[in-house]
Amino acid sequence: MRSRLRSRLQWIDGRGEHAVVARTRAYGAEILVKFLVLVGLLYMPVLLFHWGEWIPFAVAGLYLFWELGRVSSALGELAGLWNDRRQERREPARSDVLD
């Protein structure tokens, strides 16, 4: 069974305690390309208005922080799924012992 997460990660069930998390695309390369395109787009007004050359990199750095937040959220979501699945596997064993 596969469940689609809010992020680009996918949970793939495995056997026993093993599980696999698959990504749909080359995530790191895509972030790098987006960062460079954003810096390039922000660099145009810098050249036009003679602003500081560090501004595009600082603003594009905010994009990297946003992506870091998305990855952190996805890992939290995966941890929640992992804990839910482990809880479901352990509950039947506990009820058998108590009966």
PDB file of N, CA and C in Angstrom:
ATOM      1  N   MET A   1       0.834  -1.180   0.000  1.00  0.00           N
ATOM      2  CA  MET A   1       0.000   0.000   0.000  1.00  0.00           C
ATOM      3  C   MET A   1       0.875   1.238   0.000  1.00  0.00           C
ATOM      4  N   ARG A   2       0.578   2.170  -0.859  1.00  0.00           N
ATOM      5  CA  ARG A   2       1.308   3.421  -0.911  1.00  0.00           C
ATOM      6  C   ARG A   2       0.392   4.549  -0.477  1.00  0.00           C
ATOM      7  N   SER A   3       0.897   5.410   0.337  1.00  0.00           N
ATOM      8  CA  SER A   3       0.124   6.586   0.699  1.00  0.00           C
ATOM      9  C   SER A   3       0.880   7.820   0.242  1.00  0.00           C
ATOM     10  N   ARG A   4       0.167   8.757  -0.309  1.00  0.00           N
ATOM     11  CA  ARG A   4       0.777   9.976  -0.829  1.00  0.00           C
ATOM     12  C   ARG A   4       0.886  10.995   0.287  1.00  0.00           C
ATOM     13  N   LEU A   5       2.071  11.468   0.530  1.00  0.00           N
ATOM     14  CA  LEU A   5       2.296  12.469   1.549  1.00  0.00           C
ATOM     15  C   LEU A   5       2.184  13.862   0.946  1.00  0.00           C
ATOM     16  N   ARG A   6       2.119  14.860   1.805  1.00  0.00           N
ATOM     17  CA  ARG A   6       2.063  16.237   1.323  1.00  0.00           C
ATOM     18  C   ARG A   6       3.350  16.616   0.598  1.00  0.00           C
ATOM     19  N   SER A   7       4.424  15.990   0.948  1.00  0.00           N
ATOM     20  CA  SER A   7       5.693  16.261   0.294  1.00  0.00           C
ATOM     21  C   SER A   7       5.812  15.388  -0.945  1.00  0.00           C
ATOM     22  N   ARG A   8       6.987  15.346  -1.509  1.00  0.00           N
ATOM     23  CA  ARG A   8       7.223  14.518  -2.691  1.00  0.00           C
ATOM     24  C   ARG A   8       7.692  13.122  -2.328  1.00  0.00           C
ATOM     25  N   LEU A   9       7.653  12.795  -1.049  1.00  0.00           N
ATOM     26  CA  LEU A   9       8.070  11.483  -0.588  1.00  0.00           C
ATOM     27  C   LEU A   9       6.886  10.540  -0.592  1.00  0.00           C
ATOM     28  N   GLN A  10       7.145   9.270  -0.798  1.00  0.00           N
ATOM     29  CA  GLN A  10       6.088   8.260  -0.760  1.00  0.00           C
ATOM     30  C   GLN A  10       6.495   7.149   0.179  1.00  0.00           C
ATOM     31  N   TRP A  11       5.558   6.722   1.005  1.00  0.00           N
ATOM     32  CA  TRP A  11       5.778   5.620   1.927  1.00  0.00           C
ATOM     33  C   TRP A  11       5.445   4.327   1.203  1.00  0.00           C
ATOM     34  N   ILE A  12       6.378   3.389   1.203  1.00  0.00           N
ATOM     35  CA  ILE A  12       6.157   2.089   0.583  1.00  0.00           C
ATOM     36  C   ILE A  12       6.316   1.042   1.675  1.00  0.00           C
ATOM     37  N   ASP A  13       5.272   0.266   1.911  1.00  0.00           N
ATOM     38  CA  ASP A  13       5.320  -0.747   2.964  1.00  0.00           C
ATOM     39  C   ASP A  13       6.368  -1.803   2.652  1.00  0.00           C
ATOM     40  N   GLY A  14       6.994  -2.260   3.694  1.00  0.00           N
ATOM     41  CA  GLY A  14       7.955  -3.343   3.557  1.00  0.00           C
ATOM     42  C   GLY A  14       7.535  -4.504   4.434  1.00  0.00           C
ATOM     43  N   ARG A  15       8.432  -5.434   4.639  1.00  0.00           N
ATOM     44  CA  ARG A  15       8.134  -6.592   5.485  1.00  0.00           C
ATOM     45  C   ARG A  15       8.633  -6.339   6.895  1.00  0.00           C
ATOM     46  N   GLY A  16       7.831  -6.702   7.858  1.00  0.00           N
ATOM     47  CA  GLY A  16       8.239  -6.581   9.255  1.00  0.00           C
ATOM     48  C   GLY A  16       8.474  -5.132   9.638  1.00  0.00           C
ATOM     49  N   GLU A  17       9.636  -4.869  10.178  1.00  0.00           N
ATOM     50  CA  GLU A  17       9.984  -3.527  10.633  1.00  0.00           C
ATOM     51  C   GLU A  17      10.564  -2.664   9.512  1.00  0.00           C
ATOM     52  N   HIS A  18      10.789  -3.226   8.336  1.00  0.00           N
ATOM     53  CA  HIS A  18      11.427  -2.480   7.259  1.00  0.00           C
ATOM     54  C   HIS A  18      10.388  -1.749   6.424  1.00  0.00           C
ATOM     55  N   ALA A  19      10.693  -0.520   6.093  1.00  0.00           N
ATOM     56  CA  ALA A  19       9.835   0.282   5.223  1.00  0.00           C
ATOM     57  C   ALA A  19      10.739   1.111   4.328  1.00  0.00           C
ATOM     58  N   VAL A  20      10.217   1.517   3.217  1.00  0.00           N
ATOM     59  CA  VAL A  20      10.995   2.264   2.239  1.00  0.00           C
ATOM     60  C   VAL A  20      10.285   3.581   1.972  1.00  0.00           C
ATOM     61  N   VAL A  21      11.061   4.648   1.842  1.00  0.00           N
ATOM     62  CA  VAL A  21      10.525   5.949   1.460  1.00  0.00           C
ATOM     63  C   VAL A  21      11.155   6.304   0.123  1.00  0.00           C
ATOM     64  N   ALA A  22      10.303   6.506  -0.873  1.00  0.00           N
ATOM     65  CA  ALA A  22      10.794   6.796  -2.218  1.00  0.00           C
ATOM     66  C   ALA A  22      10.478   8.241  -2.585  1.00  0.00           C
ATOM     67  N   ARG A  23      11.370   8.840  -3.338  1.00  0.00           N
ATOM     68  CA  ARG A  23      11.128  10.183  -3.849  1.00  0.00           C
ATOM     69  C   ARG A  23      10.697  10.075  -5.298  1.00  0.00           C
ATOM     70  N   THR A  24       9.894  11.039  -5.739  1.00  0.00           N
ATOM     71  CA  THR A  24       9.365  10.978  -7.094  1.00  0.00           C
ATOM     72  C   THR A  24      10.314  11.583  -8.121  1.00  0.00           C
ATOM     73  N   ARG A  25      11.187  12.494  -7.711  1.00  0.00           N
ATOM     74  CA  ARG A  25      12.111  13.150  -8.646  1.00  0.00           C
ATOM     75  C   ARG A  25      13.454  13.385  -7.992  1.00  0.00           C
ATOM     76  N   ALA A  26      14.378  13.925  -8.788  1.00  0.00           N
ATOM     77  CA  ALA A  26      15.684  14.314  -8.257  1.00  0.00           C
ATOM     78  C   ALA A  26      15.499  15.616  -7.477  1.00  0.00           C
ATOM     79  N   TYR A  27      15.250  15.492  -6.215  1.00  0.00           N
ATOM     80  CA  TYR A  27      14.849  16.621  -5.383  1.00  0.00           C
ATOM     81  C   TYR A  27      15.971  17.654  -5.226  1.00  0.00           C
ATOM     82  N   GLY A  28      17.173  17.209  -4.937  1.00  0.00           N
ATOM     83  CA  GLY A  28      18.291  18.125  -4.729  1.00  0.00           C
ATOM     84  C   GLY A  28      18.636  18.925  -5.966  1.00  0.00           C
ATOM     85  N   ALA A  29      18.648  18.267  -7.113  1.00  0.00           N
ATOM     86  CA  ALA A  29      18.960  18.962  -8.363  1.00  0.00           C
ATOM     87  C   ALA A  29      17.888  19.991  -8.694  1.00  0.00           C
ATOM     88  N   GLU A  30      16.652  19.651  -8.427  1.00  0.00           N
ATOM     89  CA  GLU A  30      15.552  20.580  -8.707  1.00  0.00           C
ATOM     90  C   GLU A  30      15.646  21.823  -7.822  1.00  0.00           C
ATOM     91  N   ILE A  31      15.977  21.652  -6.561  1.00  0.00           N
ATOM     92  CA  ILE A  31      16.121  22.799  -5.660  1.00  0.00           C
ATOM     93  C   ILE A  31      17.277  23.680  -6.107  1.00  0.00           C
ATOM     94  N   LEU A  32      18.392  23.082  -6.506  1.00  0.00           N
ATOM     95  CA  LEU A  32      19.542  23.854  -6.961  1.00  0.00           C
ATOM     96  C   LEU A  32      19.205  24.677  -8.201  1.00  0.00           C
ATOM     97  N   VAL A  33      18.509  24.081  -9.148  1.00  0.00           N
ATOM     98  CA  VAL A  33      18.130  24.804 -10.366  1.00  0.00           C
ATOM     99  C   VAL A  33      17.181  25.948 -10.026  1.00  0.00           C
ATOM    100  N   LYS A  34      16.198  25.695  -9.168  1.00  0.00           N
ATOM    101  CA  LYS A  34      15.274  26.760  -8.777  1.00  0.00           C
ATOM    102  C   LYS A  34      16.005  27.895  -8.064  1.00  0.00           C
ATOM    103  N   PHE A  35      16.959  27.553  -7.206  1.00  0.00           N
ATOM    104  CA  PHE A  35      17.737  28.569  -6.496  1.00  0.00           C
ATOM    105  C   PHE A  35      18.517  29.436  -7.483  1.00  0.00           C
ATOM    106  N   LEU A  36      19.180  28.812  -8.441  1.00  0.00           N
ATOM    107  CA  LEU A  36      19.976  29.570  -9.409  1.00  0.00           C
ATOM    108  C   LEU A  36      19.102  30.434 -10.317  1.00  0.00           C
ATOM    109  N   VAL A  37      17.941  29.917 -10.718  1.00  0.00           N
ATOM    110  CA  VAL A  37      17.025  30.712 -11.539  1.00  0.00           C
ATOM    111  C   VAL A  37      16.506  31.904 -10.738  1.00  0.00           C
ATOM    112  N   LEU A  38      16.193  31.679  -9.468  1.00  0.00           N
ATOM    113  CA  LEU A  38      15.714  32.765  -8.621  1.00  0.00           C
ATOM    114  C   LEU A  38      16.790  33.833  -8.440  1.00  0.00           C
ATOM    115  N   VAL A  39      18.029  33.421  -8.226  1.00  0.00           N
ATOM    116  CA  VAL A  39      19.131  34.385  -8.115  1.00  0.00           C
ATOM    117  C   VAL A  39      19.277  35.160  -9.420  1.00  0.00           C
ATOM    118  N   GLY A  40      19.192  34.465 -10.542  1.00  0.00           N
ATOM    119  CA  GLY A  40      19.300  35.146 -11.836  1.00  0.00           C
ATOM    120  C   GLY A  40      18.194  36.164 -12.051  1.00  0.00           C
ATOM    121  N   LEU A  41      16.969  35.819 -11.702  1.00  0.00           N
ATOM    122  CA  LEU A  41      15.856  36.753 -11.851  1.00  0.00           C
ATOM    123  C   LEU A  41      15.977  37.948 -10.913  1.00  0.00           C
ATOM    124  N   LEU A  42      16.444  37.698  -9.717  1.00  0.00           N
ATOM    125  CA  LEU A  42      16.602  38.792  -8.755  1.00  0.00           C
ATOM    126  C   LEU A  42      17.811  39.667  -9.064  1.00  0.00           C
ATOM    127  N   TYR A  43      18.732  39.146  -9.828  1.00  0.00           N
ATOM    128  CA  TYR A  43      19.944  39.909 -10.149  1.00  0.00           C
ATOM    129  C   TYR A  43      19.666  41.011 -11.169  1.00  0.00           C
ATOM    130  N   MET A  44      18.618  40.840 -11.978  1.00  0.00           N
ATOM    131  CA  MET A  44      18.294  41.854 -12.992  1.00  0.00           C
ATOM    132  C   MET A  44      17.961  43.216 -12.373  1.00  0.00           C
ATOM    133  N   PRO A  45      17.076  43.294 -11.365  1.00  0.00           N
ATOM    134  CA  PRO A  45      16.834  44.614 -10.756  1.00  0.00           C
ATOM    135  C   PRO A  45      18.063  45.168 -10.040  1.00  0.00           C
ATOM    136  N   VAL A  46      18.923  44.281  -9.531  1.00  0.00           N
ATOM    137  CA  VAL A  46      20.146  44.734  -8.873  1.00  0.00           C
ATOM    138  C   VAL A  46      21.028  45.472  -9.874  1.00  0.00           C
ATOM    139  N   LEU A  47      21.157  44.921 -11.060  1.00  0.00           N
ATOM    140  CA  LEU A  47      21.962  45.586 -12.090  1.00  0.00           C
ATOM    141  C   LEU A  47      21.301  46.875 -12.574  1.00  0.00           C
ATOM    142  N   LEU A  48      19.989  46.858 -12.673  1.00  0.00           N
ATOM    143  CA  LEU A  48      19.264  48.019 -13.177  1.00  0.00           C
ATOM    144  C   LEU A  48      19.298  49.191 -12.189  1.00  0.00           C
ATOM    145  N   PHE A  49      19.089  48.899 -10.902  1.00  0.00           N
ATOM    146  CA  PHE A  49      19.012  49.961  -9.898  1.00  0.00           C
ATOM    147  C   PHE A  49      20.299  50.141  -9.099  1.00  0.00           C
ATOM    148  N   HIS A  50      21.334  49.400  -9.430  1.00  0.00           N
ATOM    149  CA  HIS A  50      22.650  49.498  -8.774  1.00  0.00           C
ATOM    150  C   HIS A  50      22.555  49.247  -7.266  1.00  0.00           C
ATOM    151  N   TRP A  51      21.799  48.188  -6.884  1.00  0.00           N
ATOM    152  CA  TRP A  51      21.708  47.795  -5.490  1.00  0.00           C
ATOM    153  C   TRP A  51      22.898  46.899  -5.147  1.00  0.00           C
ATOM    154  N   GLY A  52      22.956  46.482  -3.904  1.00  0.00           N
ATOM    155  CA  GLY A  52      24.021  45.583  -3.470  1.00  0.00           C
ATOM    156  C   GLY A  52      23.913  44.227  -4.154  1.00  0.00           C
ATOM    157  N   GLU A  53      25.044  43.679  -4.529  1.00  0.00           N
ATOM    158  CA  GLU A  53      25.052  42.408  -5.258  1.00  0.00           C
ATOM    159  C   GLU A  53      24.725  41.209  -4.372  1.00  0.00           C
ATOM    160  N   TRP A  54      24.705  41.377  -3.070  1.00  0.00           N
ATOM    161  CA  TRP A  54      24.396  40.288  -2.147  1.00  0.00           C
ATOM    162  C   TRP A  54      22.894  40.062  -2.012  1.00  0.00           C
ATOM    163  N   ILE A  55      22.091  41.029  -2.403  1.00  0.00           N
ATOM    164  CA  ILE A  55      20.638  40.957  -2.202  1.00  0.00           C
ATOM    165  C   ILE A  55      20.010  39.731  -2.871  1.00  0.00           C
ATOM    166  N   PRO A  56      20.319  39.406  -4.135  1.00  0.00           N
ATOM    167  CA  PRO A  56      19.675  38.223  -4.732  1.00  0.00           C
ATOM    168  C   PRO A  56      19.977  36.934  -3.980  1.00  0.00           C
ATOM    169  N   PHE A  57      21.190  36.792  -3.485  1.00  0.00           N
ATOM    170  CA  PHE A  57      21.556  35.575  -2.762  1.00  0.00           C
ATOM    171  C   PHE A  57      20.855  35.512  -1.406  1.00  0.00           C
ATOM    172  N   ALA A  58      20.685  36.665  -0.764  1.00  0.00           N
ATOM    173  CA  ALA A  58      19.984  36.689   0.523  1.00  0.00           C
ATOM    174  C   ALA A  58      18.511  36.333   0.341  1.00  0.00           C
ATOM    175  N   VAL A  59      17.880  36.902  -0.669  1.00  0.00           N
ATOM    176  CA  VAL A  59      16.463  36.619  -0.903  1.00  0.00           C
ATOM    177  C   VAL A  59      16.275  35.175  -1.348  1.00  0.00           C
ATOM    178  N   ALA A  60      17.151  34.678  -2.224  1.00  0.00           N
ATOM    179  CA  ALA A  60      17.051  33.282  -2.662  1.00  0.00           C
ATOM    180  C   ALA A  60      17.359  32.330  -1.501  1.00  0.00           C
ATOM    181  N   GLY A  61      18.140  32.790  -0.534  1.00  0.00           N
ATOM    182  CA  GLY A  61      18.389  31.986   0.662  1.00  0.00           C
ATOM    183  C   GLY A  61      17.114  31.729   1.451  1.00  0.00           C
ATOM    184  N   LEU A  62      16.187  32.680   1.405  1.00  0.00           N
ATOM    185  CA  LEU A  62      14.885  32.472   2.050  1.00  0.00           C
ATOM    186  C   LEU A  62      14.144  31.302   1.417  1.00  0.00           C
ATOM    187  N   TYR A  63      14.301  31.143   0.116  1.00  0.00           N
ATOM    188  CA  TYR A  63      13.705  29.987  -0.563  1.00  0.00           C
ATOM    189  C   TYR A  63      14.288  28.686  -0.016  1.00  0.00           C
ATOM    190  N   LEU A  64      15.585  28.670   0.229  1.00  0.00           N
ATOM    191  CA  LEU A  64      16.210  27.465   0.788  1.00  0.00           C
ATOM    192  C   LEU A  64      15.667  27.163   2.187  1.00  0.00           C
ATOM    193  N   PHE A  65      15.447  28.205   2.994  1.00  0.00           N
ATOM    194  CA  PHE A  65      14.848  27.989   4.312  1.00  0.00           C
ATOM    195  C   PHE A  65      13.432  27.436   4.194  1.00  0.00           C
ATOM    196  N   TRP A  66      12.669  27.915   3.224  1.00  0.00           N
ATOM    197  CA  TRP A  66      11.317  27.413   3.003  1.00  0.00           C
ATOM    198  C   TRP A  66      11.360  25.929   2.618  1.00  0.00           C
ATOM    199  N   GLU A  67      12.270  25.556   1.737  1.00  0.00           N
ATOM    200  CA  GLU A  67      12.415  24.144   1.344  1.00  0.00           C
ATOM    201  C   GLU A  67      12.841  23.294   2.539  1.00  0.00           C
ATOM    202  N   LEU A  68      13.705  23.835   3.380  1.00  0.00           N
ATOM    203  CA  LEU A  68      14.117  23.107   4.586  1.00  0.00           C
ATOM    204  C   LEU A  68      12.919  22.857   5.495  1.00  0.00           C
ATOM    205  N   GLY A  69      12.038  23.831   5.602  1.00  0.00           N
ATOM    206  CA  GLY A  69      10.811  23.646   6.384  1.00  0.00           C
ATOM    207  C   GLY A  69       9.921  22.564   5.797  1.00  0.00           C
ATOM    208  N   ARG A  70       9.838  22.508   4.463  1.00  0.00           N
ATOM    209  CA  ARG A  70       9.036  21.462   3.812  1.00  0.00           C
ATOM    210  C   ARG A  70       9.611  20.083   4.074  1.00  0.00           C
ATOM    211  N   VAL A  71      10.937  19.972   4.002  1.00  0.00           N
ATOM    212  CA  VAL A  71      11.577  18.677   4.255  1.00  0.00           C
ATOM    213  C   VAL A  71      11.372  18.267   5.715  1.00  0.00           C
ATOM    214  N   SER A  72      11.507  19.222   6.623  1.00  0.00           N
ATOM    215  CA  SER A  72      11.287  18.927   8.038  1.00  0.00           C
ATOM    216  C   SER A  72       9.853  18.472   8.281  1.00  0.00           C
ATOM    217  N   SER A  73       8.895  19.132   7.644  1.00  0.00           N
ATOM    218  CA  SER A  73       7.494  18.737   7.778  1.00  0.00           C
ATOM    219  C   SER A  73       7.265  17.336   7.223  1.00  0.00           C
ATOM    220  N   ALA A  74       7.894  17.038   6.089  1.00  0.00           N
ATOM    221  CA  ALA A  74       7.742  15.705   5.497  1.00  0.00           C
ATOM    222  C   ALA A  74       8.334  14.633   6.397  1.00  0.00           C
ATOM    223  N   LEU A  75       9.477  14.914   7.009  1.00  0.00           N
ATOM    224  CA  LEU A  75      10.077  13.933   7.918  1.00  0.00           C
ATOM    225  C   LEU A  75       9.217  13.741   9.160  1.00  0.00           C
ATOM    226  N   GLY A  76       8.610  14.816   9.647  1.00  0.00           N
ATOM    227  CA  GLY A  76       7.679  14.687  10.768  1.00  0.00           C
ATOM    228  C   GLY A  76       6.472  13.849  10.397  1.00  0.00           C
ATOM    229  N   GLU A  77       5.986  14.040   9.185  1.00  0.00           N
ATOM    230  CA  GLU A  77       4.855  13.248   8.702  1.00  0.00           C
ATOM    231  C   GLU A  77       5.231  11.780   8.565  1.00  0.00           C
ATOM    232  N   LEU A  78       6.433  11.509   8.059  1.00  0.00           N
ATOM    233  CA  LEU A  78       6.892  10.124   7.958  1.00  0.00           C
ATOM    234  C   LEU A  78       7.046   9.489   9.338  1.00  0.00           C
ATOM    235  N   ALA A  79       7.565  10.247  10.290  1.00  0.00           N
ATOM    236  CA  ALA A  79       7.707   9.717  11.646  1.00  0.00           C
ATOM    237  C   ALA A  79       6.337   9.395  12.241  1.00  0.00           C
ATOM    238  N   GLY A  80       5.357  10.249  11.983  1.00  0.00           N
ATOM    239  CA  GLY A  80       3.998   9.980  12.462  1.00  0.00           C
ATOM    240  C   GLY A  80       3.422   8.725  11.840  1.00  0.00           C
ATOM    241  N   LEU A  81       3.609   8.559  10.538  1.00  0.00           N
ATOM    242  CA  LEU A  81       3.131   7.342   9.870  1.00  0.00           C
ATOM    243  C   LEU A  81       3.824   6.100  10.427  1.00  0.00           C
ATOM    244  N   TRP A  82       5.127   6.201  10.623  1.00  0.00           N
ATOM    245  CA  TRP A  82       5.897   5.074  11.160  1.00  0.00           C
ATOM    246  C   TRP A  82       5.370   4.694  12.545  1.00  0.00           C
ATOM    247  N   ASN A  83       5.144   5.690  13.392  1.00  0.00           N
ATOM    248  CA  ASN A  83       4.646   5.408  14.743  1.00  0.00           C
ATOM    249  C   ASN A  83       3.250   4.807  14.701  1.00  0.00           C
ATOM    250  N   ASP A  84       2.391   5.301  13.814  1.00  0.00           N
ATOM    251  CA  ASP A  84       1.038   4.742  13.678  1.00  0.00           C
ATOM    252  C   ASP A  84       1.086   3.291  13.234  1.00  0.00           C
ATOM    253  N   ARG A  85       1.930   2.980  12.281  1.00  0.00           N
ATOM    254  CA  ARG A  85       2.024   1.598  11.778  1.00  0.00           C
ATOM    255  C   ARG A  85       2.588   0.660  12.834  1.00  0.00           C
ATOM    256  N   ARG A  86       3.581   1.127  13.584  1.00  0.00           N
ATOM    257  CA  ARG A  86       4.143   0.294  14.650  1.00  0.00           C
ATOM    258  C   ARG A  86       3.114   0.069  15.753  1.00  0.00           C
ATOM    259  N   GLN A  87       2.328   1.098  16.047  1.00  0.00           N
ATOM    260  CA  GLN A  87       1.277   0.984  17.066  1.00  0.00           C
ATOM    261  C   GLN A  87       0.236  -0.045  16.634  1.00  0.00           C
ATOM    262  N   GLU A  88      -0.159  -0.020  15.353  1.00  0.00           N
ATOM    263  CA  GLU A  88      -1.148  -0.974  14.847  1.00  0.00           C
ATOM    264  C   GLU A  88      -0.632  -2.402  14.927  1.00  0.00           C
ATOM    265  N   ARG A  89       0.654  -2.596  14.693  1.00  0.00           N
ATOM    266  CA  ARG A  89       1.226  -3.944  14.744  1.00  0.00           C
ATOM    267  C   ARG A  89       1.336  -4.464  16.166  1.00  0.00           C
ATOM    268  N   ARG A  90       1.564  -3.576  17.120  1.00  0.00           N
ATOM    269  CA  ARG A  90       1.746  -4.006  18.504  1.00  0.00           C
ATOM    270  C   ARG A  90       0.430  -4.217  19.239  1.00  0.00           C
ATOM    271  N   GLU A  91      -0.619  -3.498  18.903  1.00  0.00           N
ATOM    272  CA  GLU A  91      -1.893  -3.602  19.611  1.00  0.00           C
ATOM    273  C   GLU A  91      -2.493  -4.998  19.596  1.00  0.00           C
ATOM    274  N   PRO A  92      -2.545  -5.700  18.471  1.00  0.00           N
ATOM    275  CA  PRO A  92      -3.093  -7.070  18.519  1.00  0.00           C
ATOM    276  C   PRO A  92      -2.300  -7.995  19.422  1.00  0.00           C
ATOM    277  N   ALA A  93      -0.992  -7.844  19.462  1.00  0.00           N
ATOM    278  CA  ALA A  93      -0.169  -8.703  20.318  1.00  0.00           C
ATOM    279  C   ALA A  93      -0.488  -8.441  21.782  1.00  0.00           C
ATOM    280  N   ARG A  94      -0.725  -7.208  22.161  1.00  0.00           N
ATOM    281  CA  ARG A  94      -1.050  -6.893  23.548  1.00  0.00           C
ATOM    282  C   ARG A  94      -2.419  -7.463  23.939  1.00  0.00           C
ATOM    283  N   SER A  95      -3.390  -7.358  23.076  1.00  0.00           N
ATOM    284  CA  SER A  95      -4.721  -7.869  23.419  1.00  0.00           C
ATOM    285  C   SER A  95      -4.734  -9.383  23.553  1.00  0.00           C
ATOM    286  N   ASP A  96      -3.898 -10.080  22.807  1.00  0.00           N
ATOM    287  CA  ASP A  96      -3.814 -11.536  22.929  1.00  0.00           C
ATOM    288  C   ASP A  96      -3.233 -11.942  24.275  1.00  0.00           C
ATOM    289  N   VAL A  97      -2.266 -11.210  24.751  1.00  0.00           N
ATOM    290  CA  VAL A  97      -1.612 -11.532  26.018  1.00  0.00           C
ATOM    291  C   VAL A  97      -2.564 -11.253  27.170  1.00  0.00           C
ATOM    292  N   LEU A  98      -3.324 -10.193  27.095  1.00  0.00           N
ATOM    293  CA  LEU A  98      -4.220  -9.807  28.191  1.00  0.00           C
ATOM    294  C   LEU A  98      -5.448 -10.708  28.270  1.00  0.00           C
ATOM    295  N   ASP A  99      -5.867 -11.359  27.202  1.00  0.00           N
ATOM    296  CA  ASP A  99      -7.075 -12.203  27.215  1.00  0.00           C
ATOM    297  C   ASP A  99      -6.889 -13.504  27.902  1.00  0.00           C
TER     298      ASP A  99
END
